[in-house]
Amino acid sequence: MQHAQTTPHHFTSVVKKVVAAASEPPVDPSVLKDDEPLNGDRLRINSLSLIGLLVQVEEETGVVLSDELFVGRSFATVADITAIVEQSSEAAA
């Protein structure tokens, strides 16, 4: 049974909040779409800030991101990050 705070919607909300804060300059998370590019017109996330924001997502969701899920993966959008959080959560269940 999933805890109410660990729903896919909750993960999306946390990811958007963390990504928005990690962007240079920071943006309002409410304007981000799931398919928002991590490095586009609105967000500016580089590879170094991606590592930090993944750690922050782990801390805020309580989900440990499994190293195996990173193999062969790229992170181009907000949804890409949300997907790995959801997969890690399901694998731990």
PDB file of N, CA and C in Angstrom:
ATOM      1  N   MET A   1       0.834  -1.186   0.000  1.00  0.00           N
ATOM      2  CA  MET A   1       0.000   0.000   0.000  1.00  0.00           C
ATOM      3  C   MET A   1       0.876   1.246   0.000  1.00  0.00           C
ATOM      4  N   GLN A   2       0.586   2.174  -0.916  1.00  0.00           N
ATOM      5  CA  GLN A   2       1.368   3.389  -1.005  1.00  0.00           C
ATOM      6  C   GLN A   2       0.870   4.431  -0.015  1.00  0.00           C
ATOM      7  N   HIS A   3       1.815   5.153   0.534  1.00  0.00           N
ATOM      8  CA  HIS A   3       1.488   6.273   1.411  1.00  0.00           C
ATOM      9  C   HIS A   3       0.908   7.389   0.544  1.00  0.00           C
ATOM     10  N   ALA A   4      -0.002   8.175   1.086  1.00  0.00           N
ATOM     11  CA  ALA A   4      -0.682   9.223   0.323  1.00  0.00           C
ATOM     12  C   ALA A   4       0.287  10.215  -0.296  1.00  0.00           C
ATOM     13  N   GLN A   5       1.434  10.441   0.349  1.00  0.00           N
ATOM     14  CA  GLN A   5       2.377  11.420  -0.178  1.00  0.00           C
ATOM     15  C   GLN A   5       3.294  10.850  -1.251  1.00  0.00           C
ATOM     16  N   THR A   6       3.202   9.580  -1.555  1.00  0.00           N
ATOM     17  CA  THR A   6       4.091   8.988  -2.544  1.00  0.00           C
ATOM     18  C   THR A   6       3.342   8.602  -3.813  1.00  0.00           C
ATOM     19  N   THR A   7       2.339   9.364  -4.166  1.00  0.00           N
ATOM     20  CA  THR A   7       1.617   9.142  -5.410  1.00  0.00           C
ATOM     21  C   THR A   7       2.417   9.720  -6.571  1.00  0.00           C
ATOM     22  N   PRO A   8       2.153   9.267  -7.793  1.00  0.00           N
ATOM     23  CA  PRO A   8       2.834   9.861  -8.952  1.00  0.00           C
ATOM     24  C   PRO A   8       2.667  11.379  -9.011  1.00  0.00           C
ATOM     25  N   HIS A   9       1.477  11.880  -8.649  1.00  0.00           N
ATOM     26  CA  HIS A   9       1.270  13.332  -8.642  1.00  0.00           C
ATOM     27  C   HIS A   9       2.212  14.016  -7.650  1.00  0.00           C
ATOM     28  N   HIS A  10       2.395  13.393  -6.485  1.00  0.00           N
ATOM     29  CA  HIS A  10       3.306  13.951  -5.486  1.00  0.00           C
ATOM     30  C   HIS A  10       4.732  13.982  -6.041  1.00  0.00           C
ATOM     31  N   PHE A  11       5.159  12.906  -6.691  1.00  0.00           N
ATOM     32  CA  PHE A  11       6.505  12.865  -7.263  1.00  0.00           C
ATOM     33  C   PHE A  11       6.682  13.966  -8.302  1.00  0.00           C
ATOM     34  N   THR A  12       5.695  14.139  -9.161  1.00  0.00           N
ATOM     35  CA  THR A  12       5.774  15.185 -10.187  1.00  0.00           C
ATOM     36  C   THR A  12       5.895  16.555  -9.544  1.00  0.00           C
ATOM     37  N   SER A  13       5.105  16.786  -8.511  1.00  0.00           N
ATOM     38  CA  SER A  13       5.128  18.068  -7.810  1.00  0.00           C
ATOM     39  C   SER A  13       6.491  18.336  -7.177  1.00  0.00           C
ATOM     40  N   VAL A  14       7.051  17.332  -6.517  1.00  0.00           N
ATOM     41  CA  VAL A  14       8.366  17.480  -5.884  1.00  0.00           C
ATOM     42  C   VAL A  14       9.444  17.715  -6.938  1.00  0.00           C
ATOM     43  N   VAL A  15       9.414  16.937  -8.009  1.00  0.00           N
ATOM     44  CA  VAL A  15      10.419  17.092  -9.068  1.00  0.00           C
ATOM     45  C   VAL A  15      10.351  18.497  -9.653  1.00  0.00           C
ATOM     46  N   LYS A  16       9.157  18.983  -9.938  1.00  0.00           N
ATOM     47  CA  LYS A  16       9.026  20.334 -10.500  1.00  0.00           C
ATOM     48  C   LYS A  16       9.548  21.388  -9.533  1.00  0.00           C
ATOM     49  N   LYS A  17       9.252  21.231  -8.255  1.00  0.00           N
ATOM     50  CA  LYS A  17       9.724  22.197  -7.258  1.00  0.00           C
ATOM     51  C   LYS A  17      11.244  22.212  -7.194  1.00  0.00           C
ATOM     52  N   VAL A  18      11.861  21.039  -7.162  1.00  0.00           N
ATOM     53  CA  VAL A  18      13.314  20.940  -7.053  1.00  0.00           C
ATOM     54  C   VAL A  18      13.992  21.436  -8.330  1.00  0.00           C
ATOM     55  N   VAL A  19      13.464  21.042  -9.489  1.00  0.00           N
ATOM     56  CA  VAL A  19      14.038  21.469 -10.769  1.00  0.00           C
ATOM     57  C   VAL A  19      13.939  22.986 -10.907  1.00  0.00           C
ATOM     58  N   ALA A  20      12.794  23.539 -10.554  1.00  0.00           N
ATOM     59  CA  ALA A  20      12.598  24.986 -10.662  1.00  0.00           C
ATOM     60  C   ALA A  20      13.591  25.750  -9.790  1.00  0.00           C
ATOM     61  N   ALA A  21      13.847  25.235  -8.588  1.00  0.00           N
ATOM     62  CA  ALA A  21      14.795  25.894  -7.676  1.00  0.00           C
ATOM     63  C   ALA A  21      16.238  25.737  -8.141  1.00  0.00           C
ATOM     64  N   ALA A  22      16.540  24.616  -8.816  1.00  0.00           N
ATOM     65  CA  ALA A  22      17.912  24.356  -9.267  1.00  0.00           C
ATOM     66  C   ALA A  22      18.259  25.107 -10.543  1.00  0.00           C
ATOM     67  N   SER A  23      17.265  25.583 -11.250  1.00  0.00           N
ATOM     68  CA  SER A  23      17.504  26.291 -12.507  1.00  0.00           C
ATOM     69  C   SER A  23      18.209  27.609 -12.243  1.00  0.00           C
ATOM     70  N   GLU A  24      19.012  28.029 -13.208  1.00  0.00           N
ATOM     71  CA  GLU A  24      19.673  29.335 -13.123  1.00  0.00           C
ATOM     72  C   GLU A  24      19.158  30.229 -14.230  1.00  0.00           C
ATOM     73  N   PRO A  25      18.356  31.233 -13.953  1.00  0.00           N
ATOM     74  CA  PRO A  25      17.809  31.594 -12.643  1.00  0.00           C
ATOM     75  C   PRO A  25      16.642  30.676 -12.268  1.00  0.00           C
ATOM     76  N   PRO A  26      16.313  30.621 -10.974  1.00  0.00           N
ATOM     77  CA  PRO A  26      15.183  29.807 -10.525  1.00  0.00           C
ATOM     78  C   PRO A  26      13.881  30.272 -11.193  1.00  0.00           C
ATOM     79  N   VAL A  27      12.948  29.346 -11.363  1.00  0.00           N
ATOM     80  CA  VAL A  27      11.659  29.665 -11.982  1.00  0.00           C
ATOM     81  C   VAL A  27      10.522  29.212 -11.063  1.00  0.00           C
ATOM     82  N   ASP A  28       9.323  29.636 -11.389  1.00  0.00           N
ATOM     83  CA  ASP A  28       8.128  29.239 -10.640  1.00  0.00           C
ATOM     84  C   ASP A  28       7.746  27.819 -11.066  1.00  0.00           C
ATOM     85  N   PRO A  29       7.709  26.857 -10.136  1.00  0.00           N
ATOM     86  CA  PRO A  29       7.396  25.479 -10.513  1.00  0.00           C
ATOM     87  C   PRO A  29       5.994  25.301 -11.104  1.00  0.00           C
ATOM     88  N   SER A  30       5.083  26.205 -10.802  1.00  0.00           N
ATOM     89  CA  SER A  30       3.707  26.060 -11.297  1.00  0.00           C
ATOM     90  C   SER A  30       3.610  26.265 -12.807  1.00  0.00           C
ATOM     91  N   VAL A  31       4.618  26.871 -13.421  1.00  0.00           N
ATOM     92  CA  VAL A  31       4.570  27.101 -14.867  1.00  0.00           C
ATOM     93  C   VAL A  31       5.204  25.952 -15.658  1.00  0.00           C
ATOM     94  N   LEU A  32       5.794  24.991 -14.968  1.00  0.00           N
ATOM     95  CA  LEU A  32       6.483  23.902 -15.649  1.00  0.00           C
ATOM     96  C   LEU A  32       5.517  22.815 -16.096  1.00  0.00           C
ATOM     97  N   LYS A  33       5.721  22.344 -17.300  1.00  0.00           N
ATOM     98  CA  LYS A  33       4.953  21.222 -17.835  1.00  0.00           C
ATOM     99  C   LYS A  33       5.780  19.955 -17.646  1.00  0.00           C
ATOM    100  N   ASP A  34       5.134  18.809 -17.718  1.00  0.00           N
ATOM    101  CA  ASP A  34       5.847  17.544 -17.576  1.00  0.00           C
ATOM    102  C   ASP A  34       6.904  17.376 -18.668  1.00  0.00           C
ATOM    103  N   ASP A  35       6.611  17.858 -19.871  1.00  0.00           N
ATOM    104  CA  ASP A  35       7.558  17.709 -20.977  1.00  0.00           C
ATOM    105  C   ASP A  35       8.504  18.902 -21.118  1.00  0.00           C
ATOM    106  N   GLU A  36       8.596  19.711 -20.059  1.00  0.00           N
ATOM    107  CA  GLU A  36       9.481  20.884 -20.055  1.00  0.00           C
ATOM    108  C   GLU A  36      10.935  20.430 -20.209  1.00  0.00           C
ATOM    109  N   PRO A  37      11.647  20.959 -21.215  1.00  0.00           N
ATOM    110  CA  PRO A  37      13.065  20.609 -21.367  1.00  0.00           C
ATOM    111  C   PRO A  37      13.882  21.108 -20.172  1.00  0.00           C
ATOM    112  N   LEU A  38      14.802  20.289 -19.709  1.00  0.00           N
ATOM    113  CA  LEU A  38      15.649  20.683 -18.579  1.00  0.00           C
ATOM    114  C   LEU A  38      16.619  21.790 -18.955  1.00  0.00           C
ATOM    115  N   ASN A  39      16.950  21.868 -20.218  1.00  0.00           N
ATOM    116  CA  ASN A  39      17.831  22.936 -20.679  1.00  0.00           C
ATOM    117  C   ASN A  39      17.206  23.534 -21.931  1.00  0.00           C
ATOM    118  N   GLY A  40      16.297  24.472 -21.701  1.00  0.00           N
ATOM    119  CA  GLY A  40      15.566  25.086 -22.802  1.00  0.00           C
ATOM    120  C   GLY A  40      15.333  26.556 -22.539  1.00  0.00           C
ATOM    121  N   ASP A  41      14.205  27.048 -23.026  1.00  0.00           N
ATOM    122  CA  ASP A  41      13.879  28.469 -22.865  1.00  0.00           C
ATOM    123  C   ASP A  41      13.614  28.848 -21.413  1.00  0.00           C
ATOM    124  N   ARG A  42      13.017  27.940 -20.655  1.00  0.00           N
ATOM    125  CA  ARG A  42      12.612  28.266 -19.285  1.00  0.00           C
ATOM    126  C   ARG A  42      13.614  27.758 -18.247  1.00  0.00           C
ATOM    127  N   LEU A  43      14.002  26.492 -18.353  1.00  0.00           N
ATOM    128  CA  LEU A  43      14.912  25.886 -17.372  1.00  0.00           C
ATOM    129  C   LEU A  43      16.343  25.884 -17.881  1.00  0.00           C
ATOM    130  N   ARG A  44      17.264  25.999 -16.952  1.00  0.00           N
ATOM    131  CA  ARG A  44      18.691  25.927 -17.261  1.00  0.00           C
ATOM    132  C   ARG A  44      19.329  24.969 -16.262  1.00  0.00           C
ATOM    133  N   ILE A  45      19.243  23.680 -16.579  1.00  0.00           N
ATOM    134  CA  ILE A  45      19.822  22.648 -15.726  1.00  0.00           C
ATOM    135  C   ILE A  45      21.003  22.038 -16.466  1.00  0.00           C
ATOM    136  N   ASN A  46      22.195  22.141 -15.892  1.00  0.00           N
ATOM    137  CA  ASN A  46      23.357  21.501 -16.513  1.00  0.00           C
ATOM    138  C   ASN A  46      23.627  20.171 -15.820  1.00  0.00           C
ATOM    139  N   SER A  47      24.597  19.416 -16.325  1.00  0.00           N
ATOM    140  CA  SER A  47      24.849  18.078 -15.793  1.00  0.00           C
ATOM    141  C   SER A  47      25.265  18.115 -14.328  1.00  0.00           C
ATOM    142  N   LEU A  48      25.998  19.135 -13.917  1.00  0.00           N
ATOM    143  CA  LEU A  48      26.421  19.239 -12.523  1.00  0.00           C
ATOM    144  C   LEU A  48      25.234  19.537 -11.605  1.00  0.00           C
ATOM    145  N   SER A  49      24.370  20.445 -12.012  1.00  0.00           N
ATOM    146  CA  SER A  49      23.204  20.752 -11.175  1.00  0.00           C
ATOM    147  C   SER A  49      22.207  19.597 -11.179  1.00  0.00           C
ATOM    148  N   LEU A  50      22.224  18.763 -12.229  1.00  0.00           N
ATOM    149  CA  LEU A  50      21.344  17.594 -12.275  1.00  0.00           C
ATOM    150  C   LEU A  50      21.650  16.630 -11.130  1.00  0.00           C
ATOM    151  N   ILE A  51      22.921  16.412 -10.855  1.00  0.00           N
ATOM    152  CA  ILE A  51      23.313  15.509  -9.765  1.00  0.00           C
ATOM    153  C   ILE A  51      22.768  16.026  -8.429  1.00  0.00           C
ATOM    154  N   GLY A  52      22.965  17.297  -8.171  1.00  0.00           N
ATOM    155  CA  GLY A  52      22.479  17.889  -6.922  1.00  0.00           C
ATOM    156  C   GLY A  52      20.970  17.826  -6.792  1.00  0.00           C
ATOM    157  N   LEU A  53      20.273  18.069  -7.889  1.00  0.00           N
ATOM    158  CA  LEU A  53      18.812  18.055  -7.795  1.00  0.00           C
ATOM    159  C   LEU A  53      18.288  16.641  -7.628  1.00  0.00           C
ATOM    160  N   LEU A  54      18.988  15.628  -8.163  1.00  0.00           N
ATOM    161  CA  LEU A  54      18.570  14.239  -7.939  1.00  0.00           C
ATOM    162  C   LEU A  54      18.717  13.860  -6.464  1.00  0.00           C
ATOM    163  N   VAL A  55      19.777  14.337  -5.831  1.00  0.00           N
ATOM    164  CA  VAL A  55      19.958  14.100  -4.394  1.00  0.00           C
ATOM    165  C   VAL A  55      18.828  14.779  -3.613  1.00  0.00           C
ATOM    166  N   GLN A  56      18.491  15.989  -4.001  1.00  0.00           N
ATOM    167  CA  GLN A  56      17.404  16.729  -3.344  1.00  0.00           C
ATOM    168  C   GLN A  56      16.069  16.006  -3.522  1.00  0.00           C
ATOM    169  N   VAL A  57      15.822  15.485  -4.716  1.00  0.00           N
ATOM    170  CA  VAL A  57      14.587  14.736  -4.972  1.00  0.00           C
ATOM    171  C   VAL A  57      14.532  13.500  -4.075  1.00  0.00           C
ATOM    172  N   GLU A  58      15.651  12.803  -3.934  1.00  0.00           N
ATOM    173  CA  GLU A  58      15.700  11.647  -3.032  1.00  0.00           C
ATOM    174  C   GLU A  58      15.329  12.049  -1.611  1.00  0.00           C
ATOM    175  N   GLU A  59      15.916  13.138  -1.137  1.00  0.00           N
ATOM    176  CA  GLU A  59      15.658  13.595   0.231  1.00  0.00           C
ATOM    177  C   GLU A  59      14.193  13.983   0.428  1.00  0.00           C
ATOM    178  N   GLU A  60      13.612  14.660  -0.549  1.00  0.00           N
ATOM    179  CA  GLU A  60      12.241  15.149  -0.388  1.00  0.00           C
ATOM    180  C   GLU A  60      11.179  14.082  -0.587  1.00  0.00           C
ATOM    181  N   THR A  61      11.496  13.042  -1.369  1.00  0.00           N
ATOM    182  CA  THR A  61      10.509  11.989  -1.615  1.00  0.00           C
ATOM    183  C   THR A  61      10.726  10.777  -0.723  1.00  0.00           C
ATOM    184  N   GLY A  62      11.945  10.625  -0.184  1.00  0.00           N
ATOM    185  CA  GLY A  62      12.262   9.438   0.586  1.00  0.00           C
ATOM    186  C   GLY A  62      12.520   8.226  -0.283  1.00  0.00           C
ATOM    187  N   VAL A  63      12.634   8.432  -1.586  1.00  0.00           N
ATOM    188  CA  VAL A  63      12.878   7.351  -2.542  1.00  0.00           C
ATOM    189  C   VAL A  63      14.360   7.332  -2.887  1.00  0.00           C
ATOM    190  N   VAL A  64      14.993   6.182  -2.705  1.00  0.00           N
ATOM    191  CA  VAL A  64      16.391   6.018  -3.096  1.00  0.00           C
ATOM    192  C   VAL A  64      16.408   5.687  -4.581  1.00  0.00           C
ATOM    193  N   LEU A  65      17.093   6.516  -5.359  1.00  0.00           N
ATOM    194  CA  LEU A  65      17.150   6.304  -6.800  1.00  0.00           C
ATOM    195  C   LEU A  65      18.174   5.227  -7.112  1.00  0.00           C
ATOM    196  N   SER A  66      17.700   4.149  -7.649  1.00  0.00           N
ATOM    197  CA  SER A  66      18.523   2.986  -7.944  1.00  0.00           C
ATOM    198  C   SER A  66      19.509   3.273  -9.078  1.00  0.00           C
ATOM    199  N   ASP A  67      20.791   2.976  -8.843  1.00  0.00           N
ATOM    200  CA  ASP A  67      21.829   3.204  -9.852  1.00  0.00           C
ATOM    201  C   ASP A  67      21.521   2.482 -11.157  1.00  0.00           C
ATOM    202  N   GLU A  68      20.932   1.277 -11.070  1.00  0.00           N
ATOM    203  CA  GLU A  68      20.649   0.482 -12.263  1.00  0.00           C
ATOM    204  C   GLU A  68      19.692   1.203 -13.216  1.00  0.00           C
ATOM    205  N   LEU A  69      18.830   2.041 -12.683  1.00  0.00           N
ATOM    206  CA  LEU A  69      17.865   2.740 -13.529  1.00  0.00           C
ATOM    207  C   LEU A  69      18.494   3.875 -14.334  1.00  0.00           C
ATOM    208  N   PHE A  70      19.731   4.230 -14.022  1.00  0.00           N
ATOM    209  CA  PHE A  70      20.404   5.308 -14.746  1.00  0.00           C
ATOM    210  C   PHE A  70      21.123   4.810 -15.994  1.00  0.00           C
ATOM    211  N   VAL A  71      21.371   3.513 -16.072  1.00  0.00           N
ATOM    212  CA  VAL A  71      22.135   2.940 -17.178  1.00  0.00           C
ATOM    213  C   VAL A  71      21.398   3.153 -18.498  1.00  0.00           C
ATOM    214  N   GLY A  72      22.088   3.755 -19.451  1.00  0.00           N
ATOM    215  CA  GLY A  72      21.524   3.981 -20.773  1.00  0.00           C
ATOM    216  C   GLY A  72      20.418   5.008 -20.838  1.00  0.00           C
ATOM    217  N   ARG A  73      20.314   5.829 -19.834  1.00  0.00           N
ATOM    218  CA  ARG A  73      19.230   6.813 -19.754  1.00  0.00           C
ATOM    219  C   ARG A  73      19.764   8.219 -19.914  1.00  0.00           C
ATOM    220  N   SER A  74      18.961   9.062 -20.512  1.00  0.00           N
ATOM    221  CA  SER A  74      19.284  10.486 -20.544  1.00  0.00           C
ATOM    222  C   SER A  74      18.116  11.239 -19.919  1.00  0.00           C
ATOM    223  N   PHE A  75      18.410  12.405 -19.430  1.00  0.00           N
ATOM    224  CA  PHE A  75      17.401  13.225 -18.769  1.00  0.00           C
ATOM    225  C   PHE A  75      17.258  14.528 -19.545  1.00  0.00           C
ATOM    226  N   ALA A  76      16.193  14.598 -20.340  1.00  0.00           N
ATOM    227  CA  ALA A  76      15.968  15.773 -21.170  1.00  0.00           C
ATOM    228  C   ALA A  76      14.787  16.612 -20.690  1.00  0.00           C
ATOM    229  N   THR A  77      13.859  15.986 -19.945  1.00  0.00           N
ATOM    230  CA  THR A  77      12.647  16.692 -19.516  1.00  0.00           C
ATOM    231  C   THR A  77      12.355  16.427 -18.037  1.00  0.00           C
ATOM    232  N   VAL A  78      11.445  17.200 -17.499  1.00  0.00           N
ATOM    233  CA  VAL A  78      10.969  16.994 -16.127  1.00  0.00           C
ATOM    234  C   VAL A  78      10.407  15.583 -15.988  1.00  0.00           C
ATOM    235  N   ALA A  79       9.664  15.117 -16.976  1.00  0.00           N
ATOM    236  CA  ALA A  79       9.058  13.785 -16.937  1.00  0.00           C
ATOM    237  C   ALA A  79      10.104  12.678 -16.861  1.00  0.00           C
ATOM    238  N   ASP A  80      11.284  12.890 -17.464  1.00  0.00           N
ATOM    239  CA  ASP A  80      12.348  11.884 -17.395  1.00  0.00           C
ATOM    240  C   ASP A  80      12.799  11.669 -15.950  1.00  0.00           C
ATOM    241  N   ILE A  81      12.885  12.744 -15.191  1.00  0.00           N
ATOM    242  CA  ILE A  81      13.287  12.638 -13.783  1.00  0.00           C
ATOM    243  C   ILE A  81      12.160  12.003 -12.973  1.00  0.00           C
ATOM    244  N   THR A  82      10.928  12.432 -13.219  1.00  0.00           N
ATOM    245  CA  THR A  82       9.790  11.861 -12.508  1.00  0.00           C
ATOM    246  C   THR A  82       9.695  10.356 -12.749  1.00  0.00           C
ATOM    247  N   ALA A  83       9.956   9.923 -13.969  1.00  0.00           N
ATOM    248  CA  ALA A  83       9.858   8.500 -14.309  1.00  0.00           C
ATOM    249  C   ALA A  83      10.841   7.661 -13.492  1.00  0.00           C
ATOM    250  N   ILE A  84      12.064   8.146 -13.291  1.00  0.00           N
ATOM    251  CA  ILE A  84      13.043   7.359 -12.523  1.00  0.00           C
ATOM    252  C   ILE A  84      12.665   7.326 -11.042  1.00  0.00           C
ATOM    253  N   VAL A  85      12.058   8.388 -10.538  1.00  0.00           N
ATOM    254  CA  VAL A  85      11.593   8.393  -9.146  1.00  0.00           C
ATOM    255  C   VAL A  85      10.470   7.362  -8.988  1.00  0.00           C
ATOM    256  N   GLU A  86       9.529   7.358  -9.922  1.00  0.00           N
ATOM    257  CA  GLU A  86       8.423   6.400  -9.856  1.00  0.00           C
ATOM    258  C   GLU A  86       8.938   4.970  -9.973  1.00  0.00           C
ATOM    259  N   GLN A  87       9.864   4.719 -10.886  1.00  0.00           N
ATOM    260  CA  GLN A  87      10.408   3.353 -11.044  1.00  0.00           C
ATOM    261  C   GLN A  87      11.162   2.914  -9.804  1.00  0.00           C
ATOM    262  N   SER A  88      11.933   3.812  -9.206  1.00  0.00           N
ATOM    263  CA  SER A  88      12.661   3.472  -7.980  1.00  0.00           C
ATOM    264  C   SER A  88      11.702   3.197  -6.845  1.00  0.00           C
ATOM    265  N   SER A  89      10.619   3.950  -6.761  1.00  0.00           N
ATOM    266  CA  SER A  89       9.617   3.759  -5.724  1.00  0.00           C
ATOM    267  C   SER A  89       8.936   2.394  -5.884  1.00  0.00           C
ATOM    268  N   GLU A  90       8.585   2.051  -7.110  1.00  0.00           N
ATOM    269  CA  GLU A  90       7.929   0.770  -7.380  1.00  0.00           C
ATOM    270  C   GLU A  90       8.866  -0.394  -7.095  1.00  0.00           C
ATOM    271  N   ALA A  91      10.147  -0.247  -7.437  1.00  0.00           N
ATOM    272  CA  ALA A  91      11.121  -1.315  -7.203  1.00  0.00           C
ATOM    273  C   ALA A  91      11.329  -1.563  -5.717  1.00  0.00           C
ATOM    274  N   ALA A  92      11.177  -0.516  -4.904  1.00  0.00           N
ATOM    275  CA  ALA A  92      11.377  -0.638  -3.464  1.00  0.00           C
ATOM    276  C   ALA A  92      10.142  -1.198  -2.765  1.00  0.00           C
ATOM    277  N   ALA A  93       8.995  -1.136  -3.438  1.00  0.00           N
ATOM    278  CA  ALA A  93       7.728  -1.580  -2.820  1.00  0.00           C
ATOM    279  C   ALA A  93       7.644  -3.083  -2.690  1.00  0.00           C
TER     280      ALA A  93
END
